Amino acid sequence: MNTDIKEMEITDYNILRNIVSALYRTWKMKWIIVFATIIGGLLAVAFLKYKGDKYSYYSNAAIYSAVYGSYSETTSGVTLMNTYSSVLGTSRVCERAAAEIDDSRVTANYLMNLVASGAVTLGGTSRESKNYGYRLVMQTMLDDPENVVEITNAMADAYVSEINDLLGADNLQVFERATNVGMIKSGSNYLIVIILAAAGFFLSAGIIFVKEFFSSKVYIVSQCESDKSMILGLLPYSK
């Protein structure tokens, strides 16, 4: 039993020595890690130069609950907007919207996929009545500016029509239709450079560490301490 414990202690000690040795060798070969980090950053810059900046295109339309002269109906419409916001991605709404767009490529399934992927969203909804607002924002964001405005307006119209028809009301209205396309840069160039440079750093450091951890070579004195057979001779001490 004592022998087994001793062997376990020796094994643990050997692992610890190998870790220390691997870290020591990794530090000694840091120039390779620095070189790999620089190469990773340069590859990122070259990639960004080749691909160019990427942009996303968006448009917004606003849906209001407002019934002139009737506060109660206006408030009722606010509740409808929030309660039935999930109707946006249904086939009925998307079929209505697709029928309004004069482009055969924009089908109901295509619009449903846009909603599912978050490319078409209905912002401003709330599950808590105390946070209900009188305005929802229909937004479409795509990689191509074509049909962005048309899709936004069609989805807003279809959503409003479906809710009003479904509940026999006329509370919701599209007050602000989408008229133009906005543009924002997708992603950060600096972030891409940092990620690829970090990948070069950790990959090179990891490879060196693993290689040295399993190496049979001796780099530090403590690797010889528990195995006397590794000592070939002793130098005489002299003052």
Protein backbone atom coordinates (compact mmCIF):
# COMPACT_ATOMS: atom_id res chain seq x y z
CA MET A 1 0.00 0.00 0.00
CA ASN A 2 2.80 2.38 0.97
CA THR A 3 4.62 1.42 -2.23
CA ASP A 4 1.58 2.36 -4.34
CA ILE A 5 1.29 5.71 -2.60
CA LYS A 6 4.98 6.35 -3.14
CA GLU A 7 4.66 5.53 -6.84
CA MET A 8 1.68 7.88 -7.14
CA GLU A 9 3.64 10.66 -5.47
CA ILE A 10 6.58 10.09 -7.83
CA THR A 11 4.23 10.14 -10.83
CA ASP A 12 2.61 13.38 -9.69
CA TYR A 13 6.04 14.89 -9.07
CA ASN A 14 7.23 13.85 -12.52
CA ILE A 15 4.18 15.45 -14.14
CA LEU A 16 4.82 18.66 -12.20
CA ARG A 17 8.48 18.69 -13.28
CA ASN A 18 7.48 18.14 -16.90
CA ILE A 19 5.04 21.05 -16.68
CA VAL A 20 7.73 23.31 -15.24
CA SER A 21 10.19 22.17 -17.90
CA ALA A 22 7.64 22.70 -20.68
CA LEU A 23 6.85 26.21 -19.43
CA TYR A 24 10.58 26.95 -19.23
CA ARG A 25 11.14 25.79 -22.81
CA THR A 26 8.07 27.65 -24.02
CA TRP A 27 9.48 30.85 -22.54
CA LYS A 28 12.93 30.17 -24.05
CA MET A 29 11.30 29.77 -27.49
CA LYS A 30 9.13 32.86 -27.15
CA TRP A 31 10.50 34.31 -30.38
CA ILE A 32 8.59 31.61 -32.27
CA ILE A 33 5.39 32.57 -30.46
CA VAL A 34 5.96 36.27 -31.21
CA PHE A 35 6.60 35.43 -34.87
CA ALA A 36 3.41 33.31 -35.07
CA THR A 37 1.40 36.11 -33.44
CA ILE A 38 2.68 38.64 -35.98
CA ILE A 39 1.94 36.26 -38.86
CA GLY A 40 -1.61 35.79 -37.56
CA GLY A 41 -2.15 39.54 -37.45
CA LEU A 42 -0.69 40.02 -40.94
CA LEU A 43 -2.93 37.27 -42.33
CA ALA A 44 -5.93 39.04 -40.82
CA VAL A 45 -4.92 42.33 -42.45
CA ALA A 46 -4.39 40.61 -45.81
CA PHE A 47 -7.78 38.90 -45.52
CA LEU A 48 -9.53 42.18 -44.75
CA LYS A 49 -7.79 43.90 -47.66
CA TYR A 50 -8.85 41.11 -50.00
CA LYS A 51 -12.46 40.90 -48.81
CA GLY A 52 -12.96 44.61 -48.22
CA ASP A 53 -15.35 46.11 -45.68
CA LYS A 54 -18.64 44.31 -45.25
CA TYR A 55 -21.86 46.25 -44.72
CA SER A 56 -25.39 45.45 -43.65
CA TYR A 57 -28.40 47.37 -44.97
CA TYR A 58 -31.50 48.12 -42.96
CA SER A 59 -34.81 49.99 -43.00
CA ASN A 60 -37.45 50.69 -40.37
CA ALA A 61 -41.20 51.14 -40.29
CA ALA A 62 -43.22 52.17 -37.24
CA ILE A 63 -46.51 50.59 -36.14
CA TYR A 64 -48.71 52.52 -33.72
CA SER A 65 -51.81 51.80 -31.75
CA ALA A 66 -53.84 54.95 -32.06
CA VAL A 67 -57.59 55.34 -32.41
CA TYR A 68 -58.57 59.00 -32.56
CA GLY A 69 -60.99 60.01 -29.84
CA SER A 70 -60.90 56.67 -28.04
CA TYR A 71 -58.32 56.16 -25.33
CA SER A 72 -59.70 52.72 -24.39
CA GLU A 73 -59.40 51.40 -27.95
CA THR A 74 -55.91 52.83 -28.23
CA THR A 75 -54.90 51.08 -25.02
CA SER A 76 -56.52 47.87 -26.23
CA GLY A 77 -54.43 48.06 -29.40
CA VAL A 78 -51.25 48.41 -27.34
CA THR A 79 -52.10 45.14 -25.60
CA LEU A 80 -52.74 43.47 -28.95
CA MET A 81 -49.38 44.58 -30.35
CA ASN A 82 -47.48 43.07 -27.45
CA THR A 83 -49.58 39.96 -26.91
CA TYR A 84 -49.55 38.87 -30.53
CA SER A 85 -46.06 39.96 -31.55
CA SER A 86 -45.10 36.32 -32.22
CA VAL A 87 -47.60 36.24 -35.09
CA LEU A 88 -44.97 38.03 -37.20
CA GLY A 89 -43.23 34.83 -38.35
CA THR A 90 -46.36 32.84 -39.17
CA SER A 91 -47.16 31.64 -42.67
CA ARG A 92 -50.32 33.79 -42.84
CA VAL A 93 -48.40 37.03 -42.25
CA CYS A 94 -45.54 36.04 -44.53
CA GLU A 95 -47.91 34.99 -47.33
CA ARG A 96 -49.66 38.37 -47.10
CA ALA A 97 -46.30 40.15 -47.25
CA ALA A 98 -44.98 38.06 -50.15
CA ALA A 99 -48.10 38.83 -52.18
CA GLU A 100 -47.40 42.55 -51.73
CA ILE A 101 -43.81 42.35 -53.05
CA ASP A 102 -43.33 42.29 -56.81
CA ASP A 103 -40.37 39.90 -56.77
CA SER A 104 -40.76 36.17 -57.33
CA ARG A 105 -37.69 35.44 -55.22
CA VAL A 106 -39.36 36.82 -52.10
CA THR A 107 -41.61 33.96 -51.10
CA ALA A 108 -43.47 33.27 -47.88
CA ASN A 109 -40.86 30.68 -46.89
CA TYR A 110 -38.08 33.17 -47.56
CA LEU A 111 -39.74 35.73 -45.29
CA MET A 112 -40.36 33.14 -42.59
CA ASN A 113 -36.67 32.27 -42.66
CA LEU A 114 -35.77 35.96 -42.36
CA VAL A 115 -37.93 36.25 -39.24
CA ALA A 116 -36.51 33.03 -37.79
CA SER A 117 -32.93 34.18 -38.34
CA GLY A 118 -33.55 37.63 -36.84
CA ALA A 119 -33.15 39.52 -40.14
CA VAL A 120 -36.73 40.80 -39.76
CA THR A 121 -37.63 41.87 -36.25
CA LEU A 122 -40.42 43.61 -34.37
CA GLY A 123 -38.84 45.78 -31.71
CA GLY A 124 -40.45 47.46 -28.74
CA THR A 125 -42.64 44.61 -27.58
CA SER A 126 -42.93 43.76 -23.91
CA ARG A 127 -44.42 40.91 -21.92
CA GLU A 128 -45.22 43.21 -18.99
CA SER A 129 -48.27 45.45 -19.30
CA LYS A 130 -46.60 48.23 -17.31
CA ASN A 131 -43.88 48.46 -19.97
CA TYR A 132 -46.24 48.49 -22.96
CA GLY A 133 -45.47 51.18 -25.52
CA TYR A 134 -47.61 52.75 -28.21
CA ARG A 135 -45.05 52.13 -30.93
CA LEU A 136 -43.43 49.04 -32.44
CA VAL A 137 -40.58 49.14 -34.94
CA MET A 138 -40.44 46.72 -37.84
CA GLN A 139 -36.84 46.38 -39.01
CA THR A 140 -35.26 44.45 -41.86
CA MET A 141 -31.49 44.01 -42.02
CA LEU A 142 -29.88 42.22 -44.96
CA ASP A 143 -26.49 41.94 -46.64
CA ASP A 144 -27.98 43.25 -49.89
CA PRO A 145 -29.88 46.57 -50.11
CA GLU A 146 -32.27 45.23 -52.74
CA ASN A 147 -35.84 44.77 -51.47
CA VAL A 148 -34.98 45.92 -47.94
CA VAL A 149 -37.53 48.76 -47.96
CA GLU A 150 -40.15 46.66 -49.75
CA ILE A 151 -39.81 43.77 -47.31
CA THR A 152 -40.04 46.10 -44.29
CA ASN A 153 -43.22 47.79 -45.50
CA ALA A 154 -44.80 44.54 -46.67
CA MET A 155 -44.15 42.79 -43.34
CA ALA A 156 -45.48 45.80 -41.41
CA ASP A 157 -48.63 45.93 -43.52
CA ALA A 158 -49.15 42.17 -43.28
CA TYR A 159 -48.67 42.12 -39.52
CA VAL A 160 -51.11 44.97 -38.93
CA SER A 161 -53.70 43.52 -41.31
CA GLU A 162 -53.47 40.05 -39.80
CA ILE A 163 -53.89 41.27 -36.21
CA ASN A 164 -56.77 43.58 -37.11
CA ASP A 165 -58.53 40.85 -39.13
CA LEU A 166 -57.86 38.18 -36.55
CA LEU A 167 -59.40 40.13 -33.71
CA GLY A 168 -61.95 42.17 -35.63
CA ALA A 169 -60.33 45.43 -34.62
CA ASP A 170 -58.86 48.42 -36.39
CA ASN A 171 -56.49 49.65 -33.73
CA LEU A 172 -53.12 49.09 -35.35
CA GLN A 173 -51.80 51.24 -38.15
CA VAL A 174 -48.53 51.67 -40.00
CA PHE A 175 -47.92 55.37 -39.34
CA GLU A 176 -44.30 55.60 -40.51
CA ARG A 177 -43.46 53.57 -43.58
CA ALA A 178 -39.89 52.70 -44.53
CA THR A 179 -38.59 55.10 -47.15
CA ASN A 180 -34.81 54.71 -47.27
CA VAL A 181 -32.02 52.25 -46.62
CA GLY A 182 -29.44 52.73 -43.89
CA MET A 183 -25.98 51.17 -43.93
CA ILE A 184 -23.73 49.98 -41.12
CA LYS A 185 -20.40 48.20 -41.15
CA SER A 186 -20.70 44.54 -40.17
CA GLY A 187 -18.17 43.41 -37.60
CA SER A 188 -14.96 45.09 -36.45
CA ASN A 189 -11.72 44.92 -38.40
CA TYR A 190 -9.73 45.39 -35.21
CA LEU A 191 -11.55 42.46 -33.62
CA ILE A 192 -10.69 40.18 -36.55
CA VAL A 193 -7.01 41.15 -36.34
CA ILE A 194 -6.97 40.55 -32.58
CA ILE A 195 -8.68 37.15 -32.95
CA LEU A 196 -6.27 35.85 -35.61
CA ALA A 197 -3.23 37.23 -33.78
CA ALA A 198 -4.44 35.57 -30.57
CA ALA A 199 -5.02 32.33 -32.50
CA GLY A 200 -1.40 32.45 -33.70
CA PHE A 201 -0.20 33.11 -30.15
CA PHE A 202 -2.12 30.34 -28.42
CA LEU A 203 -1.65 27.79 -31.20
CA SER A 204 2.14 28.21 -31.32
CA ALA A 205 2.47 28.32 -27.52
CA GLY A 206 0.25 25.24 -27.18
CA ILE A 207 2.23 23.24 -29.73
CA ILE A 208 5.55 24.12 -28.10
CA PHE A 209 4.24 23.32 -24.62
CA VAL A 210 2.80 19.92 -25.61
CA LYS A 211 5.94 19.00 -27.57
CA GLU A 212 8.22 19.85 -24.66
CA PHE A 213 5.93 18.26 -22.06
CA PHE A 214 6.23 14.86 -23.76
CA SER A 215 9.89 15.29 -24.68
CA SER A 216 12.36 12.79 -23.23
CA LYS A 217 15.09 15.43 -23.08
CA VAL A 218 16.25 16.94 -19.79
CA TYR A 219 16.18 20.72 -19.49
CA ILE A 220 16.09 21.42 -15.75
CA VAL A 221 17.99 19.88 -12.83
CA SER A 222 14.89 18.70 -10.97
CA GLN A 223 14.14 16.25 -13.81
CA CYS A 224 17.14 14.17 -12.65
CA GLU A 225 16.53 14.31 -8.91
CA SER A 226 14.22 11.30 -8.52
CA ASP A 227 15.95 9.05 -11.05
CA LYS A 228 19.60 8.53 -10.15
CA SER A 229 20.17 6.40 -13.25
CA MET A 230 19.96 9.58 -15.32
CA ILE A 231 23.07 10.95 -13.57
CA LEU A 232 26.15 9.96 -15.57
CA GLY A 233 28.71 11.31 -13.14
CA LEU A 234 29.50 13.86 -10.46
CA LEU A 235 31.92 16.72 -10.75
CA PRO A 236 34.32 16.92 -7.83
CA TYR A 237 33.81 19.85 -5.54
CA SER A 238 36.68 22.28 -5.42
CA LYS A 239 37.04 25.57 -3.61
